[in-house]
Amino acid sequence: MVPKFDVRKANAEKKYAGDLSFTFEAEPSLVEIPFVSISSPVEANLHYEILEDDSVEIAGGLTFTLKGNCSRCLKETERQVSGKVEGYFVPGGEDGEDYSYSNGVIDFGEFLRDSVIFLMPSRLVCSETCATPDYKED
């Protein structure tokens, strides 16, 4: 389950910046590599900062493990994927560029789905023979 963040509560407690750490199960449909799936919960380590206009900046990292068949030789393999993510949330905004939130609560669902898709490699290759200099990974 993807957590929610209560901006009103953080403002009331004068916690205008802080860290959020949690795990969540990513949707299987986010993986478009044939014969590959996310084999572990996604670990999120994020930092938030609430700005004066109640917009919220989120930055941090996600880590997850892909497991399945190598895209080149079909041998069973797995690979840890990690990367930096950032998002900007505005109250009630619908301009298409930023994420919006309503009633003072941010639902990270869309942001986390987008972040996992962004970090997803285009293929999964084993490290033994297929990850050679002439066959570069993403």
N, C-alpha and C. Protein backbone atom coordinates (compact mmCIF):
# COMPACT_ATOMS: atom_id res chain seq x y z
N MET A 1 0.84 -1.18 0.00
CA MET A 1 0.00 0.00 0.00
C MET A 1 0.88 1.25 0.00
N VAL A 2 0.55 2.17 -0.84
CA VAL A 2 1.33 3.40 -0.97
C VAL A 2 0.88 4.39 0.12
N PRO A 3 1.82 4.93 0.88
CA PRO A 3 1.46 5.84 1.97
C PRO A 3 0.99 7.20 1.44
N LYS A 4 0.34 7.91 2.33
CA LYS A 4 -0.08 9.28 2.04
C LYS A 4 0.64 10.20 3.02
N PHE A 5 0.76 11.45 2.63
CA PHE A 5 1.45 12.43 3.46
C PHE A 5 0.50 13.58 3.75
N ASP A 6 0.27 13.86 5.03
CA ASP A 6 -0.64 14.91 5.46
C ASP A 6 0.12 16.22 5.63
N VAL A 7 -0.01 17.09 4.65
CA VAL A 7 0.69 18.38 4.66
C VAL A 7 0.18 19.26 5.81
N ARG A 8 -1.12 19.23 6.04
CA ARG A 8 -1.70 20.06 7.12
C ARG A 8 -1.12 19.66 8.48
N LYS A 9 -1.00 18.36 8.72
CA LYS A 9 -0.48 17.88 9.99
C LYS A 9 0.98 18.29 10.15
N ALA A 10 1.77 18.14 9.09
CA ALA A 10 3.19 18.53 9.15
C ALA A 10 3.31 20.03 9.41
N ASN A 11 2.47 20.84 8.78
CA ASN A 11 2.50 22.29 9.02
C ASN A 11 2.13 22.60 10.47
N ALA A 12 1.10 21.93 11.00
CA ALA A 12 0.66 22.17 12.37
C ALA A 12 1.75 21.80 13.38
N GLU A 13 2.52 20.76 13.05
CA GLU A 13 3.61 20.34 13.94
C GLU A 13 4.92 21.07 13.64
N LYS A 14 4.87 22.02 12.70
CA LYS A 14 6.03 22.81 12.29
C LYS A 14 7.17 21.92 11.77
N LYS A 15 6.81 20.85 11.09
CA LYS A 15 7.78 19.95 10.45
C LYS A 15 7.77 20.26 8.96
N TYR A 16 8.45 21.32 8.59
CA TYR A 16 8.43 21.80 7.21
C TYR A 16 9.38 21.03 6.30
N ALA A 17 10.20 20.19 6.88
CA ALA A 17 11.10 19.34 6.11
C ALA A 17 11.34 18.07 6.92
N GLY A 18 11.58 16.98 6.19
CA GLY A 18 11.83 15.73 6.89
C GLY A 18 12.06 14.59 5.92
N ASP A 19 12.25 13.42 6.48
CA ASP A 19 12.53 12.24 5.68
C ASP A 19 11.39 11.24 5.79
N LEU A 20 11.14 10.54 4.70
CA LEU A 20 10.13 9.50 4.64
C LEU A 20 10.79 8.24 4.09
N SER A 21 10.67 7.14 4.81
CA SER A 21 11.21 5.86 4.34
C SER A 21 10.11 4.82 4.45
N PHE A 22 9.88 4.09 3.35
CA PHE A 22 8.84 3.07 3.34
C PHE A 22 9.08 2.12 2.18
N THR A 23 8.38 1.00 2.19
CA THR A 23 8.40 0.06 1.07
C THR A 23 6.98 -0.08 0.53
N PHE A 24 6.88 -0.45 -0.74
CA PHE A 24 5.57 -0.67 -1.34
C PHE A 24 5.70 -1.69 -2.46
N GLU A 25 4.59 -2.32 -2.79
CA GLU A 25 4.55 -3.28 -3.88
C GLU A 25 4.21 -2.54 -5.17
N ALA A 26 5.07 -2.65 -6.15
CA ALA A 26 4.82 -2.01 -7.44
C ALA A 26 3.87 -2.88 -8.26
N GLU A 27 3.08 -2.24 -9.08
CA GLU A 27 2.15 -2.96 -9.94
C GLU A 27 2.93 -3.79 -10.96
N PRO A 28 2.58 -5.06 -11.14
CA PRO A 28 3.28 -5.91 -12.11
C PRO A 28 3.23 -5.36 -13.54
N SER A 29 2.19 -4.61 -13.86
CA SER A 29 2.05 -4.08 -15.22
C SER A 29 3.07 -3.00 -15.56
N LEU A 30 3.83 -2.52 -14.58
CA LEU A 30 4.85 -1.49 -14.83
C LEU A 30 6.06 -2.06 -15.57
N VAL A 31 6.24 -3.38 -15.52
CA VAL A 31 7.39 -4.02 -16.17
C VAL A 31 6.98 -4.44 -17.57
N GLU A 32 7.63 -3.86 -18.57
CA GLU A 32 7.33 -4.19 -19.96
C GLU A 32 8.38 -5.09 -20.60
N ILE A 33 9.35 -5.56 -19.82
CA ILE A 33 10.38 -6.47 -20.33
C ILE A 33 9.80 -7.88 -20.30
N PRO A 34 9.80 -8.59 -21.41
CA PRO A 34 9.24 -9.94 -21.43
C PRO A 34 9.93 -10.87 -20.44
N PHE A 35 9.14 -11.69 -19.74
CA PHE A 35 9.62 -12.71 -18.81
C PHE A 35 10.38 -12.13 -17.61
N VAL A 36 10.04 -10.90 -17.21
CA VAL A 36 10.71 -10.24 -16.09
C VAL A 36 9.65 -9.64 -15.17
N SER A 37 9.93 -9.66 -13.86
CA SER A 37 9.03 -9.05 -12.89
C SER A 37 9.84 -8.39 -11.78
N ILE A 38 9.17 -7.56 -11.00
CA ILE A 38 9.80 -6.96 -9.83
C ILE A 38 9.68 -7.99 -8.71
N SER A 39 10.82 -8.44 -8.18
CA SER A 39 10.81 -9.56 -7.24
C SER A 39 10.84 -9.14 -5.77
N SER A 40 10.93 -7.87 -5.49
CA SER A 40 10.98 -7.43 -4.11
C SER A 40 10.17 -6.15 -3.98
N PRO A 41 9.78 -5.80 -2.76
CA PRO A 41 9.12 -4.51 -2.59
C PRO A 41 10.07 -3.38 -3.00
N VAL A 42 9.50 -2.31 -3.46
CA VAL A 42 10.28 -1.12 -3.81
C VAL A 42 10.58 -0.37 -2.52
N GLU A 43 11.84 -0.03 -2.31
CA GLU A 43 12.25 0.74 -1.15
C GLU A 43 12.33 2.21 -1.54
N ALA A 44 11.65 3.05 -0.79
CA ALA A 44 11.66 4.49 -1.05
C ALA A 44 12.29 5.21 0.13
N ASN A 45 13.25 6.06 -0.15
CA ASN A 45 13.88 6.94 0.85
C ASN A 45 13.78 8.35 0.28
N LEU A 46 12.83 9.10 0.82
CA LEU A 46 12.52 10.41 0.26
C LEU A 46 12.71 11.51 1.30
N HIS A 47 12.96 12.70 0.82
CA HIS A 47 13.05 13.89 1.66
C HIS A 47 12.00 14.87 1.15
N TYR A 48 11.24 15.45 2.07
CA TYR A 48 10.23 16.43 1.66
C TYR A 48 10.56 17.80 2.22
N GLU A 49 10.08 18.80 1.52
CA GLU A 49 10.19 20.17 2.00
C GLU A 49 8.91 20.90 1.61
N ILE A 50 8.23 21.44 2.62
CA ILE A 50 7.00 22.19 2.38
C ILE A 50 7.37 23.66 2.20
N LEU A 51 6.96 24.24 1.09
CA LEU A 51 7.28 25.62 0.79
C LEU A 51 6.19 26.55 1.33
N GLU A 52 6.43 27.85 1.28
CA GLU A 52 5.50 28.83 1.85
C GLU A 52 4.11 28.78 1.24
N ASP A 53 3.99 28.43 -0.03
CA ASP A 53 2.69 28.37 -0.68
C ASP A 53 2.02 27.00 -0.55
N ASP A 54 2.52 26.17 0.37
CA ASP A 54 2.06 24.80 0.64
C ASP A 54 2.34 23.82 -0.48
N SER A 55 3.15 24.23 -1.46
CA SER A 55 3.62 23.24 -2.43
C SER A 55 4.70 22.42 -1.74
N VAL A 56 4.92 21.21 -2.22
CA VAL A 56 5.84 20.29 -1.56
C VAL A 56 6.82 19.74 -2.58
N GLU A 57 8.09 19.85 -2.26
CA GLU A 57 9.14 19.25 -3.09
C GLU A 57 9.55 17.93 -2.46
N ILE A 58 9.64 16.89 -3.31
CA ILE A 58 10.05 15.57 -2.86
C ILE A 58 11.29 15.18 -3.66
N ALA A 59 12.31 14.67 -2.99
CA ALA A 59 13.51 14.18 -3.67
C ALA A 59 14.04 13.00 -2.88
N GLY A 60 14.68 12.09 -3.58
CA GLY A 60 15.25 10.94 -2.89
C GLY A 60 15.56 9.82 -3.86
N GLY A 61 15.42 8.59 -3.38
CA GLY A 61 15.77 7.46 -4.22
C GLY A 61 14.83 6.28 -4.05
N LEU A 62 14.76 5.47 -5.09
CA LEU A 62 14.00 4.22 -5.08
C LEU A 62 14.96 3.09 -5.43
N THR A 63 14.71 1.92 -4.84
CA THR A 63 15.50 0.73 -5.13
C THR A 63 14.56 -0.47 -5.23
N PHE A 64 14.76 -1.29 -6.26
CA PHE A 64 13.98 -2.52 -6.41
C PHE A 64 14.80 -3.54 -7.19
N THR A 65 14.36 -4.78 -7.16
CA THR A 65 15.07 -5.87 -7.84
C THR A 65 14.20 -6.44 -8.95
N LEU A 66 14.79 -6.57 -10.14
CA LEU A 66 14.13 -7.23 -11.26
C LEU A 66 14.64 -8.66 -11.34
N LYS A 67 13.73 -9.58 -11.60
CA LYS A 67 14.10 -10.98 -11.70
C LYS A 67 13.38 -11.58 -12.90
N GLY A 68 14.11 -12.39 -13.67
CA GLY A 68 13.50 -13.03 -14.82
C GLY A 68 14.55 -13.56 -15.76
N ASN A 69 14.18 -13.67 -17.01
CA ASN A 69 15.08 -14.21 -18.02
C ASN A 69 15.86 -13.09 -18.69
N CYS A 70 17.14 -13.35 -18.92
CA CYS A 70 18.00 -12.42 -19.63
C CYS A 70 17.38 -12.12 -21.00
N SER A 71 17.35 -10.88 -21.37
CA SER A 71 16.77 -10.48 -22.66
C SER A 71 17.60 -10.95 -23.84
N ARG A 72 18.82 -11.37 -23.60
CA ARG A 72 19.69 -11.81 -24.68
C ARG A 72 19.79 -13.33 -24.78
N CYS A 73 20.10 -14.03 -23.64
CA CYS A 73 20.32 -15.49 -23.69
C CYS A 73 19.22 -16.29 -22.99
N LEU A 74 18.27 -15.61 -22.35
CA LEU A 74 17.14 -16.21 -21.64
C LEU A 74 17.51 -16.97 -20.36
N LYS A 75 18.75 -16.80 -19.89
CA LYS A 75 19.17 -17.41 -18.63
C LYS A 75 18.52 -16.66 -17.47
N GLU A 76 18.15 -17.39 -16.41
CA GLU A 76 17.55 -16.77 -15.23
C GLU A 76 18.56 -15.81 -14.59
N THR A 77 18.11 -14.59 -14.30
CA THR A 77 19.01 -13.59 -13.72
C THR A 77 18.20 -12.59 -12.90
N GLU A 78 18.91 -11.77 -12.15
CA GLU A 78 18.26 -10.67 -11.43
C GLU A 78 19.21 -9.48 -11.35
N ARG A 79 18.62 -8.32 -11.17
CA ARG A 79 19.41 -7.09 -11.15
C ARG A 79 18.75 -6.08 -10.22
N GLN A 80 19.55 -5.44 -9.39
CA GLN A 80 19.02 -4.39 -8.54
C GLN A 80 19.02 -3.08 -9.32
N VAL A 81 17.91 -2.38 -9.25
CA VAL A 81 17.76 -1.10 -9.94
C VAL A 81 17.56 -0.03 -8.87
N SER A 82 18.31 1.04 -8.99
CA SER A 82 18.12 2.15 -8.07
C SER A 82 18.39 3.45 -8.79
N GLY A 83 17.79 4.50 -8.30
CA GLY A 83 17.99 5.79 -8.92
C GLY A 83 17.32 6.90 -8.13
N LYS A 84 17.65 8.10 -8.51
CA LYS A 84 17.12 9.29 -7.85
C LYS A 84 15.80 9.70 -8.51
N VAL A 85 14.91 10.21 -7.67
CA VAL A 85 13.61 10.68 -8.15
C VAL A 85 13.31 12.03 -7.51
N GLU A 86 12.49 12.82 -8.17
CA GLU A 86 12.03 14.08 -7.60
C GLU A 86 10.64 14.38 -8.11
N GLY A 87 9.88 15.06 -7.29
CA GLY A 87 8.53 15.45 -7.66
C GLY A 87 8.16 16.77 -7.00
N TYR A 88 7.20 17.43 -7.59
CA TYR A 88 6.73 18.71 -7.07
C TYR A 88 5.21 18.63 -7.01
N PHE A 89 4.65 18.84 -5.83
CA PHE A 89 3.22 18.71 -5.60
C PHE A 89 2.64 20.08 -5.26
N VAL A 90 1.55 20.44 -5.92
CA VAL A 90 0.89 21.71 -5.66
C VAL A 90 -0.54 21.45 -5.20
N PRO A 91 -1.02 22.26 -4.27
CA PRO A 91 -2.39 22.05 -3.79
C PRO A 91 -3.40 22.42 -4.87
N GLY A 92 -4.25 21.48 -5.24
CA GLY A 92 -5.33 21.73 -6.19
C GLY A 92 -4.92 22.02 -7.61
N GLY A 93 -3.65 21.95 -7.94
CA GLY A 93 -3.18 22.29 -9.28
C GLY A 93 -3.51 21.22 -10.30
N GLU A 94 -3.76 21.64 -11.51
CA GLU A 94 -4.05 20.70 -12.61
C GLU A 94 -3.40 21.19 -13.89
N ASP A 95 -2.14 21.65 -13.80
CA ASP A 95 -1.51 22.20 -15.01
C ASP A 95 -0.81 21.14 -15.86
N GLY A 96 -0.75 19.91 -15.37
CA GLY A 96 -0.17 18.83 -16.16
C GLY A 96 1.32 18.62 -15.95
N GLU A 97 2.03 19.61 -15.49
CA GLU A 97 3.48 19.46 -15.28
C GLU A 97 3.80 18.97 -13.89
N ASP A 98 3.04 19.41 -12.91
CA ASP A 98 3.30 19.05 -11.52
C ASP A 98 2.22 18.08 -11.03
N TYR A 99 2.51 17.41 -9.94
CA TYR A 99 1.52 16.56 -9.29
C TYR A 99 0.66 17.45 -8.40
N SER A 100 -0.58 17.09 -8.24
CA SER A 100 -1.46 17.89 -7.40
C SER A 100 -1.92 17.07 -6.21
N TYR A 101 -2.39 17.78 -5.20
CA TYR A 101 -2.99 17.11 -4.06
C TYR A 101 -4.17 17.94 -3.59
N SER A 102 -5.09 17.29 -2.88
CA SER A 102 -6.27 18.00 -2.40
C SER A 102 -6.54 17.65 -0.94
N ASN A 103 -7.28 18.50 -0.28
CA ASN A 103 -7.64 18.33 1.13
C ASN A 103 -6.42 18.19 2.03
N GLY A 104 -5.30 18.75 1.63
CA GLY A 104 -4.10 18.75 2.45
C GLY A 104 -3.36 17.43 2.52
N VAL A 105 -3.75 16.45 1.68
CA VAL A 105 -3.12 15.13 1.75
C VAL A 105 -2.55 14.76 0.38
N ILE A 106 -1.28 14.35 0.38
CA ILE A 106 -0.62 13.91 -0.85
C ILE A 106 -0.71 12.39 -0.93
N ASP A 107 -1.23 11.90 -2.04
CA ASP A 107 -1.22 10.47 -2.34
C ASP A 107 -0.05 10.25 -3.30
N PHE A 108 0.96 9.50 -2.87
CA PHE A 108 2.17 9.31 -3.67
C PHE A 108 1.99 8.32 -4.83
N GLY A 109 0.83 7.72 -4.99
CA GLY A 109 0.62 6.65 -5.96
C GLY A 109 1.10 6.97 -7.37
N GLU A 110 0.61 8.03 -7.97
CA GLU A 110 0.98 8.38 -9.34
C GLU A 110 2.46 8.71 -9.45
N PHE A 111 2.98 9.47 -8.49
CA PHE A 111 4.39 9.84 -8.48
C PHE A 111 5.28 8.60 -8.42
N LEU A 112 4.95 7.64 -7.56
CA LEU A 112 5.76 6.43 -7.43
C LEU A 112 5.66 5.54 -8.66
N ARG A 113 4.47 5.42 -9.25
CA ARG A 113 4.33 4.66 -10.50
C ARG A 113 5.19 5.27 -11.59
N ASP A 114 5.09 6.58 -11.75
CA ASP A 114 5.89 7.28 -12.77
C ASP A 114 7.39 7.09 -12.51
N SER A 115 7.80 7.13 -11.24
CA SER A 115 9.21 7.01 -10.89
C SER A 115 9.74 5.61 -11.20
N VAL A 116 8.96 4.58 -10.90
CA VAL A 116 9.38 3.21 -11.20
C VAL A 116 9.51 3.03 -12.71
N ILE A 117 8.57 3.55 -13.47
CA ILE A 117 8.64 3.45 -14.93
C ILE A 117 9.87 4.17 -15.46
N PHE A 118 10.16 5.34 -14.92
CA PHE A 118 11.33 6.11 -15.34
C PHE A 118 12.63 5.38 -15.07
N LEU A 119 12.72 4.66 -13.94
CA LEU A 119 13.94 3.94 -13.58
C LEU A 119 14.08 2.58 -14.26
N MET A 120 13.00 2.09 -14.85
CA MET A 120 13.00 0.76 -15.44
C MET A 120 13.93 0.70 -16.66
N PRO A 121 14.85 -0.28 -16.69
CA PRO A 121 15.70 -0.43 -17.89
C PRO A 121 14.87 -0.99 -19.04
N SER A 122 15.38 -0.86 -20.24
CA SER A 122 14.64 -1.37 -21.41
C SER A 122 14.81 -2.87 -21.58
N ARG A 123 15.82 -3.45 -20.92
CA ARG A 123 16.05 -4.91 -20.99
C ARG A 123 16.80 -5.34 -19.73
N LEU A 124 16.74 -6.65 -19.47
CA LEU A 124 17.44 -7.25 -18.35
C LEU A 124 18.46 -8.21 -18.93
N VAL A 125 19.74 -8.00 -18.62
CA VAL A 125 20.79 -8.89 -19.14
C VAL A 125 21.57 -9.48 -17.97
N CYS A 126 22.01 -10.73 -18.16
CA CYS A 126 22.80 -11.39 -17.12
C CYS A 126 24.22 -10.81 -17.14
N SER A 127 24.88 -10.92 -16.02
CA SER A 127 26.21 -10.31 -15.91
C SER A 127 27.33 -11.23 -16.38
N GLU A 128 27.03 -12.49 -16.62
CA GLU A 128 28.08 -13.44 -16.98
C GLU A 128 28.59 -13.24 -18.40
N THR A 129 27.74 -13.40 -19.37
CA THR A 129 28.19 -13.35 -20.76
C THR A 129 27.56 -12.23 -21.57
N CYS A 130 26.38 -11.82 -21.20
CA CYS A 130 25.64 -10.88 -22.04
C CYS A 130 25.96 -9.42 -21.77
N ALA A 131 26.51 -9.10 -20.62
CA ALA A 131 26.85 -7.72 -20.29
C ALA A 131 28.30 -7.45 -20.69
N THR A 132 28.61 -7.65 -21.93
CA THR A 132 29.95 -7.41 -22.46
C THR A 132 30.04 -6.00 -23.01
N PRO A 133 31.23 -5.48 -23.23
CA PRO A 133 31.37 -4.12 -23.74
C PRO A 133 30.65 -3.91 -25.09
N ASP A 134 30.55 -4.95 -25.91
CA ASP A 134 29.88 -4.78 -27.19
C ASP A 134 28.36 -4.88 -27.07
N TYR A 135 27.85 -5.25 -25.88
CA TYR A 135 26.42 -5.33 -25.63
C TYR A 135 26.14 -4.53 -24.38
N LYS A 136 25.93 -3.23 -24.50
CA LYS A 136 25.83 -2.34 -23.35
C LYS A 136 24.41 -2.34 -22.80
N GLU A 137 24.34 -2.29 -21.46
CA GLU A 137 23.06 -2.14 -20.77
C GLU A 137 22.66 -0.69 -20.80
N ASP A 138 21.37 -0.43 -20.51
CA ASP A 138 20.87 0.95 -20.40
C ASP A 138 21.39 1.59 -19.16
